[in-house]
Amino acid sequence: MATKPEVVFSVAPASDNNYNLNTLFADVTKWDKEGWLDIVIPQLYHETDHPTAAFNLRLNWWSQYNYNAGLMVGHGLYRFGDPKESTRPSLQTTAELQKQFDLTRNNKKVVGNIMYRALNVMQNKIGITDQLGAIYKNLAVRPFLGRAVAPAPAEPAGVKLENGTLKWTTSGNVKSVLYYFADLKKEGIVFAITDKNSYLAGPSGHYCISTINADNKESKPSKLFKK
């Protein structure tokens, strides 16, 4: 940490912490609690209707015991559409992956999702990669994890909307994130991430801007502008 403070350290334990403790002799929750891990990625490779290791139950457990570590979820992409891995009907449909992502999205502790493994992304069995494409159809901002190295990002200044173009100024080595809200009562989306200081707004609605530094630490957003 002293030599390269920007390095983020993670482990991917088994979903069953009793197995981690008693078979692997790995006290992962202690590592989380002591702050020795930046990210913990439990391998939640089973489906939501699994009789003994249901995805949602294991997710709830880890979201209680991640302590100081950022919680990411490992999804068993390799099990989808592969009868050698499982004959359970839920793993023969892309709806199961969508259900898992919905559960993680509604869990405030979860900061990201990881697919195991890359080979199965390329295979696209039962259209599972197409489903990933639908899940990740919008841009996303990577979370800040680990230790701050870069100077904290300042909120963008002088933000204005002129003739359909958003304009602003920034300071330091940062990028800008544009958020779009079609309806202020609903969740918005990341409209763009740019190193420029102007951007043509898209459809009618509300926009705001923040900045992110090299650590992916994000500033406060600007006020909302209506187009």
C-alpha atoms as a PDB file:
ATOM      1  CA  MET A   1       0.000   0.000   0.000  1.00  0.00           C
ATOM      2  CA  ALA A   2       2.824   2.382   0.805  1.00  0.00           C
ATOM      3  CA  THR A   3       4.659   1.621  -2.453  1.00  0.00           C
ATOM      4  CA  LYS A   4       1.655   1.622  -4.799  1.00  0.00           C
ATOM      5  CA  PRO A   5      -1.357   3.062  -2.984  1.00  0.00           C
ATOM      6  CA  GLU A   6      -3.357   3.124  -6.217  1.00  0.00           C
ATOM      7  CA  VAL A   7      -3.444  -0.709  -6.382  1.00  0.00           C
ATOM      8  CA  VAL A   8      -6.853  -2.147  -5.463  1.00  0.00           C
ATOM      9  CA  PHE A   9      -6.728  -5.562  -3.758  1.00  0.00           C
ATOM     10  CA  SER A  10      -9.556  -8.082  -4.089  1.00  0.00           C
ATOM     11  CA  VAL A  11     -10.366 -11.743  -3.442  1.00  0.00           C
ATOM     12  CA  ALA A  12     -13.157 -13.969  -4.760  1.00  0.00           C
ATOM     13  CA  PRO A  13     -14.183 -16.372  -1.974  1.00  0.00           C
ATOM     14  CA  ALA A  14     -16.639 -19.243  -2.179  1.00  0.00           C
ATOM     15  CA  SER A  15     -20.242 -18.218  -1.592  1.00  0.00           C
ATOM     16  CA  ASP A  16     -20.412 -20.446   1.513  1.00  0.00           C
ATOM     17  CA  ASN A  17     -18.311 -18.790   4.206  1.00  0.00           C
ATOM     18  CA  ASN A  18     -18.237 -21.994   6.267  1.00  0.00           C
ATOM     19  CA  TYR A  19     -16.343 -23.557   3.374  1.00  0.00           C
ATOM     20  CA  ASN A  20     -13.944 -20.605   3.321  1.00  0.00           C
ATOM     21  CA  LEU A  21     -13.264 -20.985   7.039  1.00  0.00           C
ATOM     22  CA  ASN A  22     -13.220 -24.744   7.542  1.00  0.00           C
ATOM     23  CA  THR A  23     -11.832 -26.016   4.234  1.00  0.00           C
ATOM     24  CA  LEU A  24      -9.789 -23.156   2.792  1.00  0.00           C
ATOM     25  CA  PHE A  25      -8.888 -21.726   6.222  1.00  0.00           C
ATOM     26  CA  ALA A  26      -9.616 -18.263   4.893  1.00  0.00           C
ATOM     27  CA  ASP A  27     -11.279 -15.871   7.336  1.00  0.00           C
ATOM     28  CA  VAL A  28     -12.571 -13.563   4.621  1.00  0.00           C
ATOM     29  CA  THR A  29     -14.947 -11.627   6.868  1.00  0.00           C
ATOM     30  CA  LYS A  30     -12.042 -10.785   9.176  1.00  0.00           C
ATOM     31  CA  TRP A  31     -10.088  -9.517   6.175  1.00  0.00           C
ATOM     32  CA  ASP A  32     -13.112  -7.396   5.266  1.00  0.00           C
ATOM     33  CA  LYS A  33     -13.532  -6.065   8.785  1.00  0.00           C
ATOM     34  CA  GLU A  34      -9.862  -5.199   9.236  1.00  0.00           C
ATOM     35  CA  GLY A  35      -9.785  -3.297   5.949  1.00  0.00           C
ATOM     36  CA  TRP A  36      -7.231  -5.638   4.357  1.00  0.00           C
ATOM     37  CA  LEU A  37      -9.419  -6.006   1.266  1.00  0.00           C
ATOM     38  CA  ASP A  38     -10.642  -3.258  -1.032  1.00  0.00           C
ATOM     39  CA  ILE A  39     -13.129  -5.508  -2.826  1.00  0.00           C
ATOM     40  CA  VAL A  40     -14.698  -8.853  -1.984  1.00  0.00           C
ATOM     41  CA  ILE A  41     -16.233 -10.809  -4.870  1.00  0.00           C
ATOM     42  CA  PRO A  42     -18.167 -13.834  -3.550  1.00  0.00           C
ATOM     43  CA  GLN A  43     -18.726 -16.499  -6.184  1.00  0.00           C
ATOM     44  CA  LEU A  44     -22.535 -16.487  -6.229  1.00  0.00           C
ATOM     45  CA  TYR A  45     -22.670 -19.014  -9.042  1.00  0.00           C
ATOM     46  CA  HIS A  46     -25.921 -20.748  -8.095  1.00  0.00           C
ATOM     47  CA  GLU A  47     -29.396 -19.829  -9.290  1.00  0.00           C
ATOM     48  CA  THR A  48     -32.083 -18.090  -7.232  1.00  0.00           C
ATOM     49  CA  ASP A  49     -34.089 -21.304  -6.825  1.00  0.00           C
ATOM     50  CA  HIS A  50     -31.167 -23.495  -5.765  1.00  0.00           C
ATOM     51  CA  PRO A  51     -32.265 -25.648  -2.790  1.00  0.00           C
ATOM     52  CA  THR A  52     -29.210 -25.032  -0.573  1.00  0.00           C
ATOM     53  CA  ALA A  53     -27.189 -22.144  -2.031  1.00  0.00           C
ATOM     54  CA  ALA A  54     -29.774 -19.795  -3.521  1.00  0.00           C
ATOM     55  CA  PHE A  55     -28.252 -16.692  -5.106  1.00  0.00           C
ATOM     56  CA  ASN A  56     -30.459 -14.260  -3.200  1.00  0.00           C
ATOM     57  CA  LEU A  57     -29.810 -15.845   0.203  1.00  0.00           C
ATOM     58  CA  ARG A  58     -26.043 -15.811  -0.274  1.00  0.00           C
ATOM     59  CA  LEU A  59     -26.230 -12.242  -1.579  1.00  0.00           C
ATOM     60  CA  ASN A  60     -28.074 -11.164   1.555  1.00  0.00           C
ATOM     61  CA  TRP A  61     -25.457 -12.850   3.733  1.00  0.00           C
ATOM     62  CA  TRP A  62     -22.469 -11.213   2.070  1.00  0.00           C
ATOM     63  CA  SER A  63     -24.116  -7.798   2.050  1.00  0.00           C
ATOM     64  CA  GLN A  64     -24.239  -8.035   5.848  1.00  0.00           C
ATOM     65  CA  TYR A  65     -20.624  -9.116   6.285  1.00  0.00           C
ATOM     66  CA  ASN A  66     -18.623  -7.228   3.663  1.00  0.00           C
ATOM     67  CA  TYR A  67     -17.770  -4.594   6.310  1.00  0.00           C
ATOM     68  CA  ASN A  68     -15.133  -2.213   4.872  1.00  0.00           C
ATOM     69  CA  ALA A  69     -14.707  -3.969   1.533  1.00  0.00           C
ATOM     70  CA  GLY A  70     -16.642  -2.969  -1.556  1.00  0.00           C
ATOM     71  CA  LEU A  71     -19.029  -5.783  -2.485  1.00  0.00           C
ATOM     72  CA  MET A  72     -19.015  -7.032  -6.058  1.00  0.00           C
ATOM     73  CA  VAL A  73     -20.943 -10.105  -7.164  1.00  0.00           C
ATOM     74  CA  GLY A  74     -19.483 -12.953  -9.174  1.00  0.00           C
ATOM     75  CA  HIS A  75     -22.061 -14.510 -11.533  1.00  0.00           C
ATOM     76  CA  GLY A  76     -21.618 -18.074 -12.855  1.00  0.00           C
ATOM     77  CA  LEU A  77     -22.071 -17.315 -16.532  1.00  0.00           C
ATOM     78  CA  TYR A  78     -20.502 -20.665 -17.402  1.00  0.00           C
ATOM     79  CA  ARG A  79     -23.466 -22.532 -15.883  1.00  0.00           C
ATOM     80  CA  PHE A  80     -26.096 -20.993 -18.170  1.00  0.00           C
ATOM     81  CA  GLY A  81     -27.235 -23.245 -20.993  1.00  0.00           C
ATOM     82  CA  ASP A  82     -24.732 -25.984 -20.117  1.00  0.00           C
ATOM     83  CA  PRO A  83     -26.417 -29.282 -19.114  1.00  0.00           C
ATOM     84  CA  LYS A  84     -23.066 -30.572 -17.835  1.00  0.00           C
ATOM     85  CA  GLU A  85     -23.109 -27.873 -15.174  1.00  0.00           C
ATOM     86  CA  SER A  86     -26.797 -27.987 -14.297  1.00  0.00           C
ATOM     87  CA  THR A  87     -30.052 -29.346 -15.672  1.00  0.00           C
ATOM     88  CA  ARG A  88     -32.148 -26.951 -13.605  1.00  0.00           C
ATOM     89  CA  PRO A  89     -34.697 -25.169 -15.866  1.00  0.00           C
ATOM     90  CA  SER A  90     -33.857 -21.744 -14.426  1.00  0.00           C
ATOM     91  CA  LEU A  91     -30.335 -21.962 -15.897  1.00  0.00           C
ATOM     92  CA  GLN A  92     -31.686 -22.651 -19.368  1.00  0.00           C
ATOM     93  CA  THR A  93     -33.143 -19.153 -19.683  1.00  0.00           C
ATOM     94  CA  THR A  94     -31.678 -15.656 -19.695  1.00  0.00           C
ATOM     95  CA  ALA A  95     -34.436 -14.518 -17.317  1.00  0.00           C
ATOM     96  CA  GLU A  96     -32.448 -15.982 -14.422  1.00  0.00           C
ATOM     97  CA  LEU A  97     -29.470 -13.701 -15.106  1.00  0.00           C
ATOM     98  CA  GLN A  98     -31.788 -10.701 -15.329  1.00  0.00           C
ATOM     99  CA  LYS A  99     -33.306 -11.694 -11.980  1.00  0.00           C
ATOM    100  CA  GLN A 100     -29.851 -11.873 -10.415  1.00  0.00           C
ATOM    101  CA  PHE A 101     -28.904  -8.442 -11.736  1.00  0.00           C
ATOM    102  CA  ASP A 102     -32.171  -6.982 -10.469  1.00  0.00           C
ATOM    103  CA  LEU A 103     -31.392  -8.331  -6.998  1.00  0.00           C
ATOM    104  CA  THR A 104     -27.906  -6.819  -7.000  1.00  0.00           C
ATOM    105  CA  ARG A 105     -29.160  -3.523  -8.351  1.00  0.00           C
ATOM    106  CA  ASN A 106     -31.655  -3.233  -5.516  1.00  0.00           C
ATOM    107  CA  ASN A 107     -28.977  -4.022  -2.926  1.00  0.00           C
ATOM    108  CA  LYS A 108     -27.246  -0.798  -1.879  1.00  0.00           C
ATOM    109  CA  LYS A 109     -24.130  -2.646  -0.763  1.00  0.00           C
ATOM    110  CA  VAL A 110     -23.321  -3.968  -4.248  1.00  0.00           C
ATOM    111  CA  VAL A 111     -20.924  -1.796  -6.271  1.00  0.00           C
ATOM    112  CA  GLY A 112     -20.442  -4.031  -9.309  1.00  0.00           C
ATOM    113  CA  ASN A 113     -20.923  -7.350 -11.109  1.00  0.00           C
ATOM    114  CA  ILE A 114     -18.332  -9.716 -12.567  1.00  0.00           C
ATOM    115  CA  MET A 115     -18.940 -12.539 -15.038  1.00  0.00           C
ATOM    116  CA  TYR A 116     -17.159 -15.877 -14.854  1.00  0.00           C
ATOM    117  CA  ARG A 117     -15.814 -16.497 -17.396  1.00  0.00           C
ATOM    118  CA  ALA A 118     -14.733 -14.736 -20.618  1.00  0.00           C
ATOM    119  CA  LEU A 119     -14.950 -17.909 -22.731  1.00  0.00           C
ATOM    120  CA  ASN A 120     -18.669 -18.167 -22.051  1.00  0.00           C
ATOM    121  CA  VAL A 121     -19.235 -14.576 -23.104  1.00  0.00           C
ATOM    122  CA  MET A 122     -17.893 -15.533 -26.516  1.00  0.00           C
ATOM    123  CA  GLN A 123     -19.986 -18.727 -26.697  1.00  0.00           C
ATOM    124  CA  ASN A 124     -23.280 -16.884 -26.080  1.00  0.00           C
ATOM    125  CA  LYS A 125     -25.161 -20.045 -25.090  1.00  0.00           C
ATOM    126  CA  ILE A 126     -28.966 -19.561 -24.932  1.00  0.00           C
ATOM    127  CA  GLY A 127     -28.344 -15.907 -25.908  1.00  0.00           C
ATOM    128  CA  ILE A 128     -26.836 -15.086 -22.505  1.00  0.00           C
ATOM    129  CA  THR A 129     -24.378 -12.568 -23.988  1.00  0.00           C
ATOM    130  CA  ASP A 130     -27.239 -10.830 -25.767  1.00  0.00           C
ATOM    131  CA  GLN A 131     -28.914 -10.523 -22.381  1.00  0.00           C
ATOM    132  CA  LEU A 132     -25.749  -8.966 -20.962  1.00  0.00           C
ATOM    133  CA  GLY A 133     -25.822  -6.483 -23.810  1.00  0.00           C
ATOM    134  CA  ALA A 134     -29.355  -5.481 -22.833  1.00  0.00           C
ATOM    135  CA  ILE A 135     -28.362  -5.171 -19.166  1.00  0.00           C
ATOM    136  CA  TYR A 136     -25.368  -2.996 -20.041  1.00  0.00           C
ATOM    137  CA  LYS A 137     -27.047  -0.939 -22.737  1.00  0.00           C
ATOM    138  CA  ASN A 138     -26.244   2.328 -20.924  1.00  0.00           C
ATOM    139  CA  LEU A 139     -22.894   3.771 -19.923  1.00  0.00           C
ATOM    140  CA  ALA A 140     -21.799   3.350 -16.312  1.00  0.00           C
ATOM    141  CA  VAL A 141     -19.348   5.072 -13.986  1.00  0.00           C
ATOM    142  CA  ARG A 142     -16.884   2.786 -12.255  1.00  0.00           C
ATOM    143  CA  PRO A 143     -17.053   3.188  -8.471  1.00  0.00           C
ATOM    144  CA  PHE A 144     -14.265   4.663  -6.367  1.00  0.00           C
ATOM    145  CA  LEU A 145     -12.624   1.808  -4.462  1.00  0.00           C
ATOM    146  CA  GLY A 146      -9.421   1.585  -2.482  1.00  0.00           C
ATOM    147  CA  ARG A 147      -7.345   4.593  -1.484  1.00  0.00           C
ATOM    148  CA  ALA A 148      -7.519   8.131  -2.837  1.00  0.00           C
ATOM    149  CA  VAL A 149      -4.346   9.062  -4.732  1.00  0.00           C
ATOM    150  CA  ALA A 150      -5.434  11.749  -7.175  1.00  0.00           C
ATOM    151  CA  PRO A 151      -6.634  15.181  -5.987  1.00  0.00           C
ATOM    152  CA  ALA A 152     -10.354  15.234  -5.170  1.00  0.00           C
ATOM    153  CA  PRO A 153     -12.434  16.327  -8.184  1.00  0.00           C
ATOM    154  CA  ALA A 154     -14.080  19.728  -8.045  1.00  0.00           C
ATOM    155  CA  GLU A 155     -17.695  20.230  -9.017  1.00  0.00           C
ATOM    156  CA  PRO A 156     -17.987  21.576 -12.582  1.00  0.00           C
ATOM    157  CA  ALA A 157     -18.369  25.334 -12.726  1.00  0.00           C
ATOM    158  CA  GLY A 158     -20.267  27.684 -14.992  1.00  0.00           C
ATOM    159  CA  VAL A 159     -22.649  24.997 -16.189  1.00  0.00           C
ATOM    160  CA  LYS A 160     -25.162  26.303 -18.699  1.00  0.00           C
ATOM    161  CA  LEU A 161     -27.352  25.153 -21.545  1.00  0.00           C
ATOM    162  CA  GLU A 162     -27.057  27.185 -24.747  1.00  0.00           C
ATOM    163  CA  ASN A 163     -28.899  26.286 -27.940  1.00  0.00           C
ATOM    164  CA  GLY A 164     -29.186  22.675 -26.911  1.00  0.00           C
ATOM    165  CA  THR A 165     -25.517  22.340 -25.904  1.00  0.00           C
ATOM    166  CA  LEU A 166     -24.342  21.895 -22.325  1.00  0.00           C
ATOM    167  CA  LYS A 167     -21.217  23.929 -21.489  1.00  0.00           C
ATOM    168  CA  TRP A 168     -19.095  24.028 -18.319  1.00  0.00           C
ATOM    169  CA  THR A 169     -15.557  24.384 -16.991  1.00  0.00           C
ATOM    170  CA  THR A 170     -13.438  21.922 -15.012  1.00  0.00           C
ATOM    171  CA  SER A 171     -10.141  22.013 -13.147  1.00  0.00           C
ATOM    172  CA  GLY A 172      -7.468  19.360 -12.845  1.00  0.00           C
ATOM    173  CA  ASN A 173      -7.139  15.975 -14.513  1.00  0.00           C
ATOM    174  CA  VAL A 174     -10.790  14.970 -14.619  1.00  0.00           C
ATOM    175  CA  LYS A 175     -13.493  13.732 -16.935  1.00  0.00           C
ATOM    176  CA  SER A 176     -17.093  14.860 -16.875  1.00  0.00           C
ATOM    177  CA  VAL A 177     -20.178  12.689 -16.458  1.00  0.00           C
ATOM    178  CA  LEU A 178     -23.481  13.836 -17.950  1.00  0.00           C
ATOM    179  CA  TYR A 179     -26.630  12.428 -16.396  1.00  0.00           C
ATOM    180  CA  TYR A 180     -30.003  12.433 -18.119  1.00  0.00           C
ATOM    181  CA  PHE A 181     -33.443  12.162 -16.511  1.00  0.00           C
ATOM    182  CA  ALA A 182     -36.486  11.653 -18.697  1.00  0.00           C
ATOM    183  CA  ASP A 183     -38.607  11.755 -15.541  1.00  0.00           C
ATOM    184  CA  LEU A 184     -37.309  13.234 -12.280  1.00  0.00           C
ATOM    185  CA  LYS A 185     -39.380  10.724 -10.329  1.00  0.00           C
ATOM    186  CA  LYS A 186     -37.408   7.866 -11.897  1.00  0.00           C
ATOM    187  CA  GLU A 187     -33.779   6.809 -12.002  1.00  0.00           C
ATOM    188  CA  GLY A 188     -31.655   8.618 -14.553  1.00  0.00           C
ATOM    189  CA  ILE A 189     -28.940   7.258 -16.851  1.00  0.00           C
ATOM    190  CA  VAL A 190     -25.374   8.181 -17.724  1.00  0.00           C
ATOM    191  CA  PHE A 191     -25.772  10.062 -20.986  1.00  0.00           C
ATOM    192  CA  ALA A 192     -22.065  10.616 -21.690  1.00  0.00           C
ATOM    193  CA  ILE A 193     -18.582  10.517 -20.159  1.00  0.00           C
ATOM    194  CA  THR A 194     -16.252  13.025 -21.806  1.00  0.00           C
ATOM    195  CA  ASP A 195     -12.977  14.905 -21.438  1.00  0.00           C
ATOM    196  CA  LYS A 196     -14.515  17.872 -23.278  1.00  0.00           C
ATOM    197  CA  ASN A 197     -16.206  20.905 -21.724  1.00  0.00           C
ATOM    198  CA  SER A 198     -19.256  20.952 -23.951  1.00  0.00           C
ATOM    199  CA  TYR A 199     -21.668  18.329 -25.184  1.00  0.00           C
ATOM    200  CA  LEU A 200     -24.761  18.342 -27.326  1.00  0.00           C
ATOM    201  CA  ALA A 201     -27.741  17.406 -25.196  1.00  0.00           C
ATOM    202  CA  GLY A 202     -30.031  14.662 -26.429  1.00  0.00           C
ATOM    203  CA  PRO A 203     -33.781  14.249 -25.906  1.00  0.00           C
ATOM    204  CA  SER A 204     -35.932  16.574 -23.874  1.00  0.00           C
ATOM    205  CA  GLY A 205     -35.614  16.155 -20.150  1.00  0.00           C
ATOM    206  CA  HIS A 206     -33.267  17.148 -17.333  1.00  0.00           C
ATOM    207  CA  TYR A 207     -29.465  17.026 -17.282  1.00  0.00           C
ATOM    208  CA  CYS A 208     -26.753  17.501 -14.678  1.00  0.00           C
ATOM    209  CA  ILE A 209     -22.970  17.134 -14.700  1.00  0.00           C
ATOM    210  CA  SER A 210     -20.345  15.828 -12.286  1.00  0.00           C
ATOM    211  CA  THR A 211     -16.611  15.188 -12.626  1.00  0.00           C
ATOM    212  CA  ILE A 212     -14.510  12.082 -11.896  1.00  0.00           C
ATOM    213  CA  ASN A 213     -10.777  11.908 -11.276  1.00  0.00           C
ATOM    214  CA  ALA A 214      -8.245   9.170 -12.063  1.00  0.00           C
ATOM    215  CA  ASP A 215      -9.392   7.201  -8.993  1.00  0.00           C
ATOM    216  CA  ASN A 216     -13.000   7.330 -10.248  1.00  0.00           C
ATOM    217  CA  LYS A 217     -13.889   9.482  -7.287  1.00  0.00           C
ATOM    218  CA  GLU A 218     -16.870  11.620  -8.223  1.00  0.00           C
ATOM    219  CA  SER A 219     -17.689  15.215  -7.372  1.00  0.00           C
ATOM    220  CA  LYS A 220     -21.060  16.549  -6.355  1.00  0.00           C
ATOM    221  CA  PRO A 221     -23.353  17.034  -9.341  1.00  0.00           C
ATOM    222  CA  SER A 222     -24.290  20.391 -10.764  1.00  0.00           C
ATOM    223  CA  LYS A 223     -27.820  21.695 -10.568  1.00  0.00           C
ATOM    224  CA  LEU A 224     -30.327  20.259 -13.016  1.00  0.00           C
ATOM    225  CA  PHE A 225     -30.914  21.863 -16.382  1.00  0.00           C
ATOM    226  CA  LYS A 226     -34.079  21.323 -18.354  1.00  0.00           C
ATOM    227  CA  LYS A 227     -34.078  20.982 -22.106  1.00  0.00           C
END
